[in-house]
PDB file of N, CA and C in Angstrom:
ATOM      1  N   MET A   1      70.968 112.749 108.988  1.00  0.00           N
ATOM      2  CA  MET A   1      71.956 113.341 109.869  1.00  0.00           C
ATOM      3  C   MET A   1      72.971 114.121 109.018  1.00  0.00           C
ATOM      4  N   ASN A   2      73.242 115.339 109.406  1.00  0.00           N
ATOM      5  CA  ASN A   2      74.168 116.194 108.661  1.00  0.00           C
ATOM      6  C   ASN A   2      75.581 116.047 109.217  1.00  0.00           C
ATOM      7  N   LEU A   3      76.453 115.496 108.418  1.00  0.00           N
ATOM      8  CA  LEU A   3      77.837 115.287 108.836  1.00  0.00           C
ATOM      9  C   LEU A   3      78.804 116.108 107.972  1.00  0.00           C
ATOM     10  N   ASP A   4      78.387 117.298 107.557  1.00  0.00           N
ATOM     11  CA  ASP A   4      79.239 118.127 106.698  1.00  0.00           C
ATOM     12  C   ASP A   4      80.609 118.398 107.302  1.00  0.00           C
ATOM     13  N   PHE A   5      80.691 118.486 108.625  1.00  0.00           N
ATOM     14  CA  PHE A   5      81.971 118.765 109.277  1.00  0.00           C
ATOM     15  C   PHE A   5      83.016 117.678 109.016  1.00  0.00           C
ATOM     16  N   VAL A   6      82.596 116.458 108.668  1.00  0.00           N
ATOM     17  CA  VAL A   6      83.525 115.337 108.454  1.00  0.00           C
ATOM     18  C   VAL A   6      84.408 115.572 107.230  1.00  0.00           C
ATOM     19  N   GLN A   7      83.942 116.358 106.265  1.00  0.00           N
ATOM     20  CA  GLN A   7      84.738 116.552 105.049  1.00  0.00           C
ATOM     21  C   GLN A   7      86.053 117.280 105.335  1.00  0.00           C
ATOM     22  N   TRP A   8      86.097 118.128 106.358  1.00  0.00           N
ATOM     23  CA  TRP A   8      87.343 118.861 106.655  1.00  0.00           C
ATOM     24  C   TRP A   8      88.421 117.962 107.252  1.00  0.00           C
ATOM     25  N   PRO A   9      88.109 117.142 108.258  1.00  0.00           N
ATOM     26  CA  PRO A   9      89.129 116.196 108.712  1.00  0.00           C
ATOM     27  C   PRO A   9      89.514 115.205 107.610  1.00  0.00           C
ATOM     28  N   ALA A  10      88.547 114.792 106.789  1.00  0.00           N
ATOM     29  CA  ALA A  10      88.845 113.872 105.689  1.00  0.00           C
ATOM     30  C   ALA A  10      89.839 114.509 104.723  1.00  0.00           C
ATOM     31  N   MET A  11      89.643 115.782 104.417  1.00  0.00           N
ATOM     32  CA  MET A  11      90.558 116.479 103.514  1.00  0.00           C
ATOM     33  C   MET A  11      91.951 116.577 104.131  1.00  0.00           C
ATOM     34  N   LEU A  12      92.021 116.935 105.413  1.00  0.00           N
ATOM     35  CA  LEU A  12      93.314 117.061 106.083  1.00  0.00           C
ATOM     36  C   LEU A  12      94.051 115.727 106.131  1.00  0.00           C
ATOM     37  N   VAL A  13      93.342 114.663 106.472  1.00  0.00           N
ATOM     38  CA  VAL A  13      93.952 113.328 106.536  1.00  0.00           C
ATOM     39  C   VAL A  13      94.431 112.899 105.151  1.00  0.00           C
ATOM     40  N   THR A  14      93.686 113.224 104.105  1.00  0.00           N
ATOM     41  CA  THR A  14      94.090 112.892 102.736  1.00  0.00           C
ATOM     42  C   THR A  14      95.374 113.611 102.356  1.00  0.00           C
ATOM     43  N   VAL A  15      95.500 114.870 102.726  1.00  0.00           N
ATOM     44  CA  VAL A  15      96.717 115.640 102.421  1.00  0.00           C
ATOM     45  C   VAL A  15      97.919 115.056 103.169  1.00  0.00           C
ATOM     46  N   VAL A  16      97.734 114.723 104.435  1.00  0.00           N
ATOM     47  CA  VAL A  16      98.828 114.127 105.218  1.00  0.00           C
ATOM     48  C   VAL A  16      99.239 112.784 104.611  1.00  0.00           C
ATOM     49  N   ALA A  17      98.265 111.984 104.219  1.00  0.00           N
ATOM     50  CA  ALA A  17      98.563 110.686 103.606  1.00  0.00           C
ATOM     51  C   ALA A  17      99.343 110.861 102.315  1.00  0.00           C
ATOM     52  N   SER A  18      98.967 111.831 101.512  1.00  0.00           N
ATOM     53  CA  SER A  18      99.677 112.092 100.251  1.00  0.00           C
ATOM     54  C   SER A  18     101.121 112.461 100.520  1.00  0.00           C
ATOM     55  N   TRP A  19     101.341 113.283 101.538  1.00  0.00           N
ATOM     56  CA  TRP A  19     102.702 113.695 101.896  1.00  0.00           C
ATOM     57  C   TRP A  19     103.519 112.481 102.337  1.00  0.00           C
ATOM     58  N   LEU A  20     102.914 111.613 103.139  1.00  0.00           N
ATOM     59  CA  LEU A  20     103.632 110.429 103.614  1.00  0.00           C
ATOM     60  C   LEU A  20     103.969 109.470 102.474  1.00  0.00           C
ATOM     61  N   VAL A  21     103.026 109.231 101.579  1.00  0.00           N
ATOM     62  CA  VAL A  21     103.249 108.291 100.479  1.00  0.00           C
ATOM     63  C   VAL A  21     104.359 108.776  99.550  1.00  0.00           C
ATOM     64  N   ALA A  22     104.562 110.071  99.472  1.00  0.00           N
ATOM     65  CA  ALA A  22     105.604 110.626  98.606  1.00  0.00           C
ATOM     66  C   ALA A  22     106.987 110.607  99.253  1.00  0.00           C
ATOM     67  N   SER A  23     107.088 110.118 100.473  1.00  0.00           N
ATOM     68  CA  SER A  23     108.351 110.109 101.202  1.00  0.00           C
ATOM     69  C   SER A  23     109.336 109.095 100.617  1.00  0.00           C
ATOM     70  N   LYS A  24     110.606 109.358 100.806  1.00  0.00           N
ATOM     71  CA  LYS A  24     111.642 108.403 100.411  1.00  0.00           C
ATOM     72  C   LYS A  24     111.775 107.276 101.431  1.00  0.00           C
ATOM     73  N   SER A  25     111.266 107.509 102.635  1.00  0.00           N
ATOM     74  CA  SER A  25     111.325 106.510 103.702  1.00  0.00           C
ATOM     75  C   SER A  25     110.254 105.445 103.502  1.00  0.00           C
ATOM     76  N   GLU A  26     110.678 104.192 103.479  1.00  0.00           N
ATOM     77  CA  GLU A  26     109.719 103.102 103.291  1.00  0.00           C
ATOM     78  C   GLU A  26     108.690 103.067 104.410  1.00  0.00           C
ATOM     79  N   GLY A  27     109.111 103.334 105.630  1.00  0.00           N
ATOM     80  CA  GLY A  27     108.186 103.328 106.761  1.00  0.00           C
ATOM     81  C   GLY A  27     107.114 104.403 106.635  1.00  0.00           C
ATOM     82  N   ARG A  28     107.526 105.599 106.211  1.00  0.00           N
ATOM     83  CA  ARG A  28     106.556 106.676 106.023  1.00  0.00           C
ATOM     84  C   ARG A  28     105.606 106.366 104.874  1.00  0.00           C
ATOM     85  N   ARG A  29     106.158 105.805 103.782  1.00  0.00           N
ATOM     86  CA  ARG A  29     105.287 105.431 102.660  1.00  0.00           C
ATOM     87  C   ARG A  29     104.246 104.414 103.105  1.00  0.00           C
ATOM     88  N   ASN A  30     104.676 103.404 103.858  1.00  0.00           N
ATOM     89  CA  ASN A  30     103.740 102.385 104.337  1.00  0.00           C
ATOM     90  C   ASN A  30     102.690 103.015 105.249  1.00  0.00           C
ATOM     91  N   ALA A  31     103.112 103.881 106.153  1.00  0.00           N
ATOM     92  CA  ALA A  31     102.161 104.561 107.037  1.00  0.00           C
ATOM     93  C   ALA A  31     101.166 105.375 106.207  1.00  0.00           C
ATOM     94  N   GLY A  32     101.658 105.987 105.134  1.00  0.00           N
ATOM     95  CA  GLY A  32     100.799 106.799 104.277  1.00  0.00           C
ATOM     96  C   GLY A  32      99.638 106.013 103.695  1.00  0.00           C
ATOM     97  N   PHE A  33      99.885 104.768 103.309  1.00  0.00           N
ATOM     98  CA  PHE A  33      98.796 103.946 102.770  1.00  0.00           C
ATOM     99  C   PHE A  33      97.724 103.713 103.831  1.00  0.00           C
ATOM    100  N   TRP A  34      98.137 103.503 105.073  1.00  0.00           N
ATOM    101  CA  TRP A  34      97.167 103.268 106.140  1.00  0.00           C
ATOM    102  C   TRP A  34      96.467 104.564 106.534  1.00  0.00           C
ATOM    103  N   VAL A  35      97.158 105.689 106.451  1.00  0.00           N
ATOM    104  CA  VAL A  35      96.508 106.975 106.695  1.00  0.00           C
ATOM    105  C   VAL A  35      95.491 107.236 105.578  1.00  0.00           C
ATOM    106  N   PHE A  36      95.847 106.853 104.349  1.00  0.00           N
ATOM    107  CA  PHE A  36      94.872 106.945 103.252  1.00  0.00           C
ATOM    108  C   PHE A  36      93.630 106.120 103.560  1.00  0.00           C
ATOM    109  N   MET A  37      93.812 104.950 104.175  1.00  0.00           N
ATOM    110  CA  MET A  37      92.656 104.115 104.530  1.00  0.00           C
ATOM    111  C   MET A  37      91.739 104.865 105.503  1.00  0.00           C
ATOM    112  N   LEU A  38      92.333 105.578 106.451  1.00  0.00           N
ATOM    113  CA  LEU A  38      91.532 106.389 107.369  1.00  0.00           C
ATOM    114  C   LEU A  38      90.766 107.458 106.593  1.00  0.00           C
ATOM    115  N   SER A  39      91.456 108.094 105.648  1.00  0.00           N
ATOM    116  CA  SER A  39      90.766 109.133 104.866  1.00  0.00           C
ATOM    117  C   SER A  39      89.645 108.522 104.024  1.00  0.00           C
ATOM    118  N   ASN A  40      89.874 107.326 103.470  1.00  0.00           N
ATOM    119  CA  ASN A  40      88.812 106.646 102.720  1.00  0.00           C
ATOM    120  C   ASN A  40      87.595 106.435 103.606  1.00  0.00           C
ATOM    121  N   GLY A  41      87.831 105.985 104.832  1.00  0.00           N
ATOM    122  CA  GLY A  41      86.722 105.770 105.760  1.00  0.00           C
ATOM    123  C   GLY A  41      85.979 107.055 106.073  1.00  0.00           C
ATOM    124  N   LEU A  42      86.718 108.134 106.300  1.00  0.00           N
ATOM    125  CA  LEU A  42      86.073 109.425 106.588  1.00  0.00           C
ATOM    126  C   LEU A  42      85.258 109.901 105.394  1.00  0.00           C
ATOM    127  N   TRP A  43      85.832 109.761 104.189  1.00  0.00           N
ATOM    128  CA  TRP A  43      85.092 110.184 102.995  1.00  0.00           C
ATOM    129  C   TRP A  43      83.846 109.329 102.783  1.00  0.00           C
ATOM    130  N   ILE A  44      83.928 108.048 103.105  1.00  0.00           N
ATOM    131  CA  ILE A  44      82.755 107.178 102.975  1.00  0.00           C
ATOM    132  C   ILE A  44      81.665 107.616 103.942  1.00  0.00           C
ATOM    133  N   VAL A  45      82.039 107.910 105.181  1.00  0.00           N
ATOM    134  CA  VAL A  45      81.059 108.398 106.162  1.00  0.00           C
ATOM    135  C   VAL A  45      80.387 109.662 105.647  1.00  0.00           C
ATOM    136  N   TRP A  46      81.205 110.609 105.174  1.00  0.00           N
ATOM    137  CA  TRP A  46      80.642 111.855 104.663  1.00  0.00           C
ATOM    138  C   TRP A  46      79.796 111.601 103.418  1.00  0.00           C
ATOM    139  N   GLY A  47      80.295 110.754 102.512  1.00  0.00           N
ATOM    140  CA  GLY A  47      79.579 110.472 101.270  1.00  0.00           C
ATOM    141  C   GLY A  47      78.219 109.845 101.503  1.00  0.00           C
ATOM    142  N   ILE A  48      78.147 108.939 102.462  1.00  0.00           N
ATOM    143  CA  ILE A  48      76.859 108.323 102.784  1.00  0.00           C
ATOM    144  C   ILE A  48      75.895 109.373 103.323  1.00  0.00           C
ATOM    145  N   SER A  49      76.398 110.231 104.218  1.00  0.00           N
ATOM    146  CA  SER A  49      75.514 111.253 104.810  1.00  0.00           C
ATOM    147  C   SER A  49      75.067 112.286 103.782  1.00  0.00           C
ATOM    148  N   ALA A  50      75.912 112.525 102.752  1.00  0.00           N
ATOM    149  CA  ALA A  50      75.581 113.504 101.709  1.00  0.00           C
ATOM    150  C   ALA A  50      74.897 112.859 100.507  1.00  0.00           C
ATOM    151  N   ASN A  51      74.660 111.554 100.587  1.00  0.00           N
ATOM    152  CA  ASN A  51      74.062 110.805  99.484  1.00  0.00           C
ATOM    153  C   ASN A  51      74.900 110.932  98.200  1.00  0.00           C
ATOM    154  N   ALA A  52      76.229 110.916  98.388  1.00  0.00           N
ATOM    155  CA  ALA A  52      77.163 111.023  97.265  1.00  0.00           C
ATOM    156  C   ALA A  52      77.656 109.617  96.919  1.00  0.00           C
ATOM    157  N   ASN A  53      76.820 108.879  96.227  1.00  0.00           N
ATOM    158  CA  ASN A  53      77.103 107.466  95.959  1.00  0.00           C
ATOM    159  C   ASN A  53      78.345 107.244  95.109  1.00  0.00           C
ATOM    160  N   ALA A  54      78.595 108.106  94.145  1.00  0.00           N
ATOM    161  CA  ALA A  54      79.790 107.956  93.310  1.00  0.00           C
ATOM    162  C   ALA A  54      81.056 108.146  94.149  1.00  0.00           C
ATOM    163  N   LEU A  55      81.014 109.079  95.082  1.00  0.00           N
ATOM    164  CA  LEU A  55      82.171 109.298  95.958  1.00  0.00           C
ATOM    165  C   LEU A  55      82.410 108.075  96.836  1.00  0.00           C
ATOM    166  N   VAL A  56      81.357 107.498  97.354  1.00  0.00           N
ATOM    167  CA  VAL A  56      81.491 106.298  98.177  1.00  0.00           C
ATOM    168  C   VAL A  56      82.102 105.162  97.351  1.00  0.00           C
ATOM    169  N   ALA A  57      81.615 104.967  96.143  1.00  0.00           N
ATOM    170  CA  ALA A  57      82.171 103.922  95.270  1.00  0.00           C
ATOM    171  C   ALA A  57      83.644 104.190  94.969  1.00  0.00           C
ATOM    172  N   LEU A  58      83.976 105.446  94.691  1.00  0.00           N
ATOM    173  CA  LEU A  58      85.372 105.816  94.431  1.00  0.00           C
ATOM    174  C   LEU A  58      86.242 105.496  95.631  1.00  0.00           C
ATOM    175  N   GLN A  59      85.799 105.833  96.819  1.00  0.00           N
ATOM    176  CA  GLN A  59      86.594 105.601  98.022  1.00  0.00           C
ATOM    177  C   GLN A  59      86.796 104.116  98.292  1.00  0.00           C
ATOM    178  N   ILE A  60      85.816 103.302  97.972  1.00  0.00           N
ATOM    179  CA  ILE A  60      85.971 101.850  98.116  1.00  0.00           C
ATOM    180  C   ILE A  60      87.044 101.344  97.154  1.00  0.00           C
ATOM    181  N   CYS A  61      87.028 101.832  95.914  1.00  0.00           N
ATOM    182  CA  CYS A  61      88.056 101.447  94.932  1.00  0.00           C
ATOM    183  C   CYS A  61      89.434 101.926  95.375  1.00  0.00           C
ATOM    184  N   LEU A  62      89.513 103.165  95.851  1.00  0.00           N
ATOM    185  CA  LEU A  62      90.797 103.698  96.312  1.00  0.00           C
ATOM    186  C   LEU A  62      91.302 102.939  97.538  1.00  0.00           C
ATOM    187  N   ALA A  63      90.401 102.530  98.414  1.00  0.00           N
ATOM    188  CA  ALA A  63      90.804 101.745  99.583  1.00  0.00           C
ATOM    189  C   ALA A  63      91.434 100.427  99.140  1.00  0.00           C
ATOM    190  N   ALA A  64      90.855  99.786  98.133  1.00  0.00           N
ATOM    191  CA  ALA A  64      91.435  98.539  97.614  1.00  0.00           C
ATOM    192  C   ALA A  64      92.837  98.782  97.068  1.00  0.00           C
ATOM    193  N   MET A  65      93.030  99.896  96.375  1.00  0.00           N
ATOM    194  CA  MET A  65      94.367 100.217  95.856  1.00  0.00           C
ATOM    195  C   MET A  65      95.341 100.543  96.986  1.00  0.00           C
ATOM    196  N   ASN A  66      94.849 101.179  98.045  1.00  0.00           N
ATOM    197  CA  ASN A  66      95.710 101.486  99.187  1.00  0.00           C
ATOM    198  C   ASN A  66      96.138 100.220  99.907  1.00  0.00           C
ATOM    199  N   ILE A  67      95.243  99.259 100.023  1.00  0.00           N
ATOM    200  CA  ILE A  67      95.611  97.972 100.627  1.00  0.00           C
ATOM    201  C   ILE A  67      96.678  97.297  99.775  1.00  0.00           C
ATOM    202  N   ARG A  68      96.488  97.333  98.469  1.00  0.00           N
ATOM    203  CA  ARG A  68      97.479  96.760  97.553  1.00  0.00           C
ATOM    204  C   ARG A  68      98.835  97.465  97.718  1.00  0.00           C
ATOM    205  N   GLY A  69      98.818  98.789  97.781  1.00  0.00           N
ATOM    206  CA  GLY A  69     100.050  99.552  97.953  1.00  0.00           C
ATOM    207  C   GLY A  69     100.743  99.233  99.266  1.00  0.00           C
ATOM    208  N   ALA A  70      99.965  99.115 100.323  1.00  0.00           N
ATOM    209  CA  ALA A  70     100.542  98.778 101.633  1.00  0.00           C
ATOM    210  C   ALA A  70     101.184  97.398 101.610  1.00  0.00           C
ATOM    211  N   MET A  71     100.519  96.460 100.951  1.00  0.00           N
ATOM    212  CA  MET A  71     101.081  95.106 100.860  1.00  0.00           C
ATOM    213  C   MET A  71     102.364  95.094 100.057  1.00  0.00           C
ATOM    214  N   LYS A  72     102.448  95.876  98.986  1.00  0.00           N
ATOM    215  CA  LYS A  72     103.649  95.939  98.167  1.00  0.00           C
ATOM    216  C   LYS A  72     104.791  96.636  98.911  1.00  0.00           C
ATOM    217  N   THR A  73     104.461  97.625  99.748  1.00  0.00           N
ATOM    218  CA  THR A  73     105.486  98.329 100.505  1.00  0.00           C
ATOM    219  C   THR A  73     106.072  97.434 101.572  1.00  0.00           C
ATOM    220  N   ASP A  74     105.230  96.564 102.160  1.00  0.00           N
ATOM    221  CA  ASP A  74     105.708  95.637 103.197  1.00  0.00           C
ATOM    222  C   ASP A  74     106.556  94.515 102.614  1.00  0.00           C
ATOM    223  N   ALA A  75     106.368  94.228 101.327  1.00  0.00           N
ATOM    224  CA  ALA A  75     107.056  93.077 100.712  1.00  0.00           C
ATOM    225  C   ALA A  75     108.541  93.282 100.608  1.00  0.00           C
TER     226      ALA A  75
END
């Protein structure tokens, strides 16, 4: 199944997440980590469809770091 179109929403969500994480507002930073999680999921979907195994592995690692970041922001 060709899911090439998924890379564009994934890119947009990643950019929005980056903007949120860079905010001075704790609430926006926390939201940014969860938006990053959405982008990780989109990239994983695209990576699986494109047989990009390294990208999928990278996104899993980044998702773990985003969970860690979200937990630290909530603390």
